[in-house]
Amino acid sequence: DDKVIVHSIIELAHNLGLKVVAEGVETEDALNLLKKLGCDIIQGFLISKPLPVKEFNAFIREPR
């Protein structure tokens, strides 16, 4: 099951003292699952399309 594999990878990384970045997140279901499983950083089109530096700086200052 994909959920078991993702959970195992997240746990392994955390046990090694690493942070986990999930790339390519496009759905609310995937976002919610990754949050539930303890993923540290999530990126993908659900959050934002790729941005130039100036737009990125403004984006990260916006409250969510």
PDB file of N, CA and C in Angstrom:
ATOM      1  N   ASP A   1       0.847  -1.188   0.000  1.00  0.00           N
ATOM      2  CA  ASP A   1       0.000   0.000   0.000  1.00  0.00           C
ATOM      3  C   ASP A   1       0.892   1.251   0.000  1.00  0.00           C
ATOM      4  N   ASP A   2       0.563   2.213  -0.840  1.00  0.00           N
ATOM      5  CA  ASP A   2       1.370   3.433  -0.966  1.00  0.00           C
ATOM      6  C   ASP A   2       1.501   4.183   0.357  1.00  0.00           C
ATOM      7  N   LYS A   3       0.410   4.213   1.130  1.00  0.00           N
ATOM      8  CA  LYS A   3       0.421   4.932   2.404  1.00  0.00           C
ATOM      9  C   LYS A   3       1.460   4.332   3.352  1.00  0.00           C
ATOM     10  N   VAL A   4       1.564   3.019   3.374  1.00  0.00           N
ATOM     11  CA  VAL A   4       2.530   2.343   4.247  1.00  0.00           C
ATOM     12  C   VAL A   4       3.958   2.677   3.819  1.00  0.00           C
ATOM     13  N   ILE A   5       4.200   2.703   2.523  1.00  0.00           N
ATOM     14  CA  ILE A   5       5.537   3.027   2.009  1.00  0.00           C
ATOM     15  C   ILE A   5       5.912   4.461   2.368  1.00  0.00           C
ATOM     16  N   VAL A   6       4.996   5.398   2.128  1.00  0.00           N
ATOM     17  CA  VAL A   6       5.272   6.810   2.436  1.00  0.00           C
ATOM     18  C   VAL A   6       5.517   6.987   3.929  1.00  0.00           C
ATOM     19  N   HIS A   7       4.689   6.363   4.750  1.00  0.00           N
ATOM     20  CA  HIS A   7       4.859   6.457   6.203  1.00  0.00           C
ATOM     21  C   HIS A   7       6.221   5.909   6.627  1.00  0.00           C
ATOM     22  N   SER A   8       6.619   4.783   6.065  1.00  0.00           N
ATOM     23  CA  SER A   8       7.912   4.171   6.398  1.00  0.00           C
ATOM     24  C   SER A   8       9.076   5.076   6.014  1.00  0.00           C
ATOM     25  N   ILE A   9       8.990   5.698   4.849  1.00  0.00           N
ATOM     26  CA  ILE A   9      10.056   6.602   4.401  1.00  0.00           C
ATOM     27  C   ILE A   9      10.155   7.813   5.320  1.00  0.00           C
ATOM     28  N   ILE A  10       9.014   8.381   5.690  1.00  0.00           N
ATOM     29  CA  ILE A  10       9.009   9.539   6.590  1.00  0.00           C
ATOM     30  C   ILE A  10       9.606   9.156   7.941  1.00  0.00           C
ATOM     31  N   GLU A  11       9.197   8.019   8.487  1.00  0.00           N
ATOM     32  CA  GLU A  11       9.721   7.566   9.778  1.00  0.00           C
ATOM     33  C   GLU A  11      11.225   7.310   9.711  1.00  0.00           C
ATOM     34  N   LEU A  12      11.689   6.663   8.644  1.00  0.00           N
ATOM     35  CA  LEU A  12      13.115   6.392   8.478  1.00  0.00           C
ATOM     36  C   LEU A  12      13.909   7.696   8.442  1.00  0.00           C
ATOM     37  N   ALA A  13      13.446   8.645   7.650  1.00  0.00           N
ATOM     38  CA  ALA A  13      14.136   9.933   7.553  1.00  0.00           C
ATOM     39  C   ALA A  13      14.190  10.625   8.910  1.00  0.00           C
ATOM     40  N   HIS A  14      13.078  10.655   9.611  1.00  0.00           N
ATOM     41  CA  HIS A  14      13.045  11.299  10.924  1.00  0.00           C
ATOM     42  C   HIS A  14      13.974  10.589  11.908  1.00  0.00           C
ATOM     43  N   ASN A  15      14.012   9.251  11.854  1.00  0.00           N
ATOM     44  CA  ASN A  15      14.907   8.492  12.735  1.00  0.00           C
ATOM     45  C   ASN A  15      16.376   8.781  12.437  1.00  0.00           C
ATOM     46  N   LEU A  16      16.667   9.188  11.218  1.00  0.00           N
ATOM     47  CA  LEU A  16      18.028   9.557  10.828  1.00  0.00           C
ATOM     48  C   LEU A  16      18.309  11.042  11.054  1.00  0.00           C
ATOM     49  N   GLY A  17      17.328  11.754  11.612  1.00  0.00           N
ATOM     50  CA  GLY A  17      17.496  13.175  11.895  1.00  0.00           C
ATOM     51  C   GLY A  17      17.319  14.069  10.680  1.00  0.00           C
ATOM     52  N   LEU A  18      16.625  13.561   9.673  1.00  0.00           N
ATOM     53  CA  LEU A  18      16.421  14.313   8.437  1.00  0.00           C
ATOM     54  C   LEU A  18      15.018  14.895   8.366  1.00  0.00           C
ATOM     55  N   LYS A  19      14.869  15.954   7.606  1.00  0.00           N
ATOM     56  CA  LYS A  19      13.550  16.510   7.294  1.00  0.00           C
ATOM     57  C   LYS A  19      13.078  15.906   5.983  1.00  0.00           C
ATOM     58  N   VAL A  20      11.770  15.801   5.832  1.00  0.00           N
ATOM     59  CA  VAL A  20      11.178  15.196   4.638  1.00  0.00           C
ATOM     60  C   VAL A  20      10.479  16.273   3.819  1.00  0.00           C
ATOM     61  N   VAL A  21      10.781  16.299   2.507  1.00  0.00           N
ATOM     62  CA  VAL A  21      10.143  17.212   1.564  1.00  0.00           C
ATOM     63  C   VAL A  21       9.341  16.382   0.576  1.00  0.00           C
ATOM     64  N   ALA A  22       8.043  16.661   0.478  1.00  0.00           N
ATOM     65  CA  ALA A  22       7.195  16.011  -0.527  1.00  0.00           C
ATOM     66  C   ALA A  22       7.023  16.973  -1.688  1.00  0.00           C
ATOM     67  N   GLU A  23       7.383  16.521  -2.868  1.00  0.00           N
ATOM     68  CA  GLU A  23       7.282  17.353  -4.071  1.00  0.00           C
ATOM     69  C   GLU A  23       6.116  16.889  -4.928  1.00  0.00           C
ATOM     70  N   GLY A  24       5.546  17.816  -5.673  1.00  0.00           N
ATOM     71  CA  GLY A  24       4.511  17.463  -6.641  1.00  0.00           C
ATOM     72  C   GLY A  24       3.134  17.230  -6.046  1.00  0.00           C
ATOM     73  N   VAL A  25       2.860  17.811  -4.883  1.00  0.00           N
ATOM     74  CA  VAL A  25       1.555  17.631  -4.240  1.00  0.00           C
ATOM     75  C   VAL A  25       0.517  18.455  -4.996  1.00  0.00           C
ATOM     76  N   GLU A  26      -0.525  17.775  -5.468  1.00  0.00           N
ATOM     77  CA  GLU A  26      -1.526  18.436  -6.311  1.00  0.00           C
ATOM     78  C   GLU A  26      -2.951  18.327  -5.788  1.00  0.00           C
ATOM     79  N   THR A  27      -3.191  17.501  -4.757  1.00  0.00           N
ATOM     80  CA  THR A  27      -4.560  17.328  -4.269  1.00  0.00           C
ATOM     81  C   THR A  27      -4.636  17.558  -2.758  1.00  0.00           C
ATOM     82  N   GLU A  28      -5.818  17.955  -2.306  1.00  0.00           N
ATOM     83  CA  GLU A  28      -6.059  18.138  -0.867  1.00  0.00           C
ATOM     84  C   GLU A  28      -5.884  16.817  -0.127  1.00  0.00           C
ATOM     85  N   ASP A  29      -6.328  15.717  -0.730  1.00  0.00           N
ATOM     86  CA  ASP A  29      -6.188  14.407  -0.088  1.00  0.00           C
ATOM     87  C   ASP A  29      -4.722  14.076   0.166  1.00  0.00           C
ATOM     88  N   ALA A  30      -3.874  14.318  -0.841  1.00  0.00           N
ATOM     89  CA  ALA A  30      -2.442  14.057  -0.680  1.00  0.00           C
ATOM     90  C   ALA A  30      -1.856  14.964   0.393  1.00  0.00           C
ATOM     91  N   LEU A  31      -2.234  16.232   0.383  1.00  0.00           N
ATOM     92  CA  LEU A  31      -1.755  17.182   1.386  1.00  0.00           C
ATOM     93  C   LEU A  31      -2.131  16.722   2.789  1.00  0.00           C
ATOM     94  N   ASN A  32      -3.390  16.372   2.980  1.00  0.00           N
ATOM     95  CA  ASN A  32      -3.862  15.951   4.295  1.00  0.00           C
ATOM     96  C   ASN A  32      -3.158  14.686   4.768  1.00  0.00           C
ATOM     97  N   LEU A  33      -2.951  13.733   3.866  1.00  0.00           N
ATOM     98  CA  LEU A  33      -2.261  12.500   4.233  1.00  0.00           C
ATOM     99  C   LEU A  33      -0.818  12.787   4.636  1.00  0.00           C
ATOM    100  N   LEU A  34      -0.127  13.588   3.851  1.00  0.00           N
ATOM    101  CA  LEU A  34       1.268  13.905   4.163  1.00  0.00           C
ATOM    102  C   LEU A  34       1.391  14.636   5.498  1.00  0.00           C
ATOM    103  N   LYS A  35       0.470  15.550   5.783  1.00  0.00           N
ATOM    104  CA  LYS A  35       0.474  16.231   7.079  1.00  0.00           C
ATOM    105  C   LYS A  35       0.266  15.222   8.200  1.00  0.00           C
ATOM    106  N   LYS A  36      -0.707  14.343   8.022  1.00  0.00           N
ATOM    107  CA  LYS A  36      -1.026  13.327   9.031  1.00  0.00           C
ATOM    108  C   LYS A  36       0.163  12.404   9.292  1.00  0.00           C
ATOM    109  N   LEU A  37       0.917  12.098   8.238  1.00  0.00           N
ATOM    110  CA  LEU A  37       2.055  11.192   8.366  1.00  0.00           C
ATOM    111  C   LEU A  37       3.319  11.887   8.866  1.00  0.00           C
ATOM    112  N   GLY A  38       3.265  13.219   9.031  1.00  0.00           N
ATOM    113  CA  GLY A  38       4.386  13.944   9.616  1.00  0.00           C
ATOM    114  C   GLY A  38       5.392  14.502   8.636  1.00  0.00           C
ATOM    115  N   CYS A  39       4.992  14.658   7.387  1.00  0.00           N
ATOM    116  CA  CYS A  39       5.890  15.253   6.397  1.00  0.00           C
ATOM    117  C   CYS A  39       6.216  16.689   6.811  1.00  0.00           C
ATOM    118  N   ASP A  40       7.484  17.063   6.714  1.00  0.00           N
ATOM    119  CA  ASP A  40       7.931  18.362   7.212  1.00  0.00           C
ATOM    120  C   ASP A  40       7.671  19.519   6.252  1.00  0.00           C
ATOM    121  N   ILE A  41       7.902  19.294   4.968  1.00  0.00           N
ATOM    122  CA  ILE A  41       7.777  20.358   3.968  1.00  0.00           C
ATOM    123  C   ILE A  41       7.011  19.804   2.773  1.00  0.00           C
ATOM    124  N   ILE A  42       6.046  20.572   2.290  1.00  0.00           N
ATOM    125  CA  ILE A  42       5.219  20.127   1.170  1.00  0.00           C
ATOM    126  C   ILE A  42       5.250  21.194   0.090  1.00  0.00           C
ATOM    127  N   GLN A  43       5.504  20.758  -1.132  1.00  0.00           N
ATOM    128  CA  GLN A  43       5.479  21.698  -2.246  1.00  0.00           C
ATOM    129  C   GLN A  43       4.776  21.058  -3.430  1.00  0.00           C
ATOM    130  N   GLY A  44       4.249  21.903  -4.287  1.00  0.00           N
ATOM    131  CA  GLY A  44       3.546  21.423  -5.470  1.00  0.00           C
ATOM    132  C   GLY A  44       2.523  22.449  -5.922  1.00  0.00           C
ATOM    133  N   PHE A  45       1.870  22.145  -7.031  1.00  0.00           N
ATOM    134  CA  PHE A  45       0.921  23.087  -7.623  1.00  0.00           C
ATOM    135  C   PHE A  45      -0.261  23.389  -6.702  1.00  0.00           C
ATOM    136  N   LEU A  46      -0.583  22.492  -5.772  1.00  0.00           N
ATOM    137  CA  LEU A  46      -1.658  22.780  -4.826  1.00  0.00           C
ATOM    138  C   LEU A  46      -1.299  24.000  -3.976  1.00  0.00           C
ATOM    139  N   ILE A  47      -0.038  24.127  -3.625  1.00  0.00           N
ATOM    140  CA  ILE A  47       0.427  25.247  -2.809  1.00  0.00           C
ATOM    141  C   ILE A  47       0.665  26.474  -3.687  1.00  0.00           C
ATOM    142  N   SER A  48       1.414  26.296  -4.769  1.00  0.00           N
ATOM    143  CA  SER A  48       1.717  27.397  -5.687  1.00  0.00           C
ATOM    144  C   SER A  48       2.432  26.865  -6.920  1.00  0.00           C
ATOM    145  N   LYS A  49       2.239  27.558  -8.020  1.00  0.00           N
ATOM    146  CA  LYS A  49       3.042  27.276  -9.212  1.00  0.00           C
ATOM    147  C   LYS A  49       4.452  27.796  -8.952  1.00  0.00           C
ATOM    148  N   PRO A  50       5.451  27.386  -9.734  1.00  0.00           N
ATOM    149  CA  PRO A  50       6.790  27.957  -9.570  1.00  0.00           C
ATOM    150  C   PRO A  50       6.740  29.482  -9.728  1.00  0.00           C
ATOM    151  N   LEU A  51       7.474  30.176  -8.874  1.00  0.00           N
ATOM    152  CA  LEU A  51       7.442  31.641  -8.863  1.00  0.00           C
ATOM    153  C   LEU A  51       8.838  32.234  -9.021  1.00  0.00           C
ATOM    154  N   PRO A  52       8.928  33.393  -9.698  1.00  0.00           N
ATOM    155  CA  PRO A  52      10.187  34.143  -9.685  1.00  0.00           C
ATOM    156  C   PRO A  52      10.464  34.630  -8.256  1.00  0.00           C
ATOM    157  N   VAL A  53      11.701  34.948  -7.960  1.00  0.00           N
ATOM    158  CA  VAL A  53      12.109  35.314  -6.602  1.00  0.00           C
ATOM    159  C   VAL A  53      11.256  36.433  -6.015  1.00  0.00           C
ATOM    160  N   LYS A  54      11.008  37.497  -6.758  1.00  0.00           N
ATOM    161  CA  LYS A  54      10.225  38.621  -6.222  1.00  0.00           C
ATOM    162  C   LYS A  54       8.820  38.178  -5.837  1.00  0.00           C
ATOM    163  N   GLU A  55       8.184  37.390  -6.686  1.00  0.00           N
ATOM    164  CA  GLU A  55       6.839  36.901  -6.374  1.00  0.00           C
ATOM    165  C   GLU A  55       6.877  35.924  -5.203  1.00  0.00           C
ATOM    166  N   PHE A  56       7.915  35.101  -5.134  1.00  0.00           N
ATOM    167  CA  PHE A  56       8.050  34.149  -4.033  1.00  0.00           C
ATOM    168  C   PHE A  56       8.162  34.873  -2.700  1.00  0.00           C
ATOM    169  N   ASN A  57       8.990  35.908  -2.654  1.00  0.00           N
ATOM    170  CA  ASN A  57       9.149  36.662  -1.410  1.00  0.00           C
ATOM    171  C   ASN A  57       7.823  37.249  -0.942  1.00  0.00           C
ATOM    172  N   ALA A  58       7.016  37.750  -1.851  1.00  0.00           N
ATOM    173  CA  ALA A  58       5.693  38.268  -1.491  1.00  0.00           C
ATOM    174  C   ALA A  58       4.779  37.126  -1.055  1.00  0.00           C
ATOM    175  N   PHE A  59       4.860  35.997  -1.734  1.00  0.00           N
ATOM    176  CA  PHE A  59       4.013  34.836  -1.435  1.00  0.00           C
ATOM    177  C   PHE A  59       4.244  34.324  -0.013  1.00  0.00           C
ATOM    178  N   ILE A  60       5.512  34.216   0.392  1.00  0.00           N
ATOM    179  CA  ILE A  60       5.785  33.656   1.720  1.00  0.00           C
ATOM    180  C   ILE A  60       5.428  34.618   2.847  1.00  0.00           C
ATOM    181  N   ARG A  61       5.232  35.872   2.526  1.00  0.00           N
ATOM    182  CA  ARG A  61       4.829  36.852   3.548  1.00  0.00           C
ATOM    183  C   ARG A  61       3.316  36.886   3.755  1.00  0.00           C
ATOM    184  N   GLU A  62       2.564  36.299   2.819  1.00  0.00           N
ATOM    185  CA  GLU A  62       1.103  36.284   2.926  1.00  0.00           C
ATOM    186  C   GLU A  62       0.680  35.341   4.051  1.00  0.00           C
ATOM    187  N   PRO A  63      -0.223  35.810   4.920  1.00  0.00           N
ATOM    188  CA  PRO A  63      -0.724  34.909   5.971  1.00  0.00           C
ATOM    189  C   PRO A  63      -1.606  33.804   5.373  1.00  0.00           C
ATOM    190  N   ARG A  64      -1.507  32.617   5.932  1.00  0.00           N
ATOM    191  CA  ARG A  64      -2.334  31.475   5.498  1.00  0.00           C
ATOM    192  C   ARG A  64      -2.996  30.832   6.672  1.00  0.00           C
TER     193      ARG A  64
END
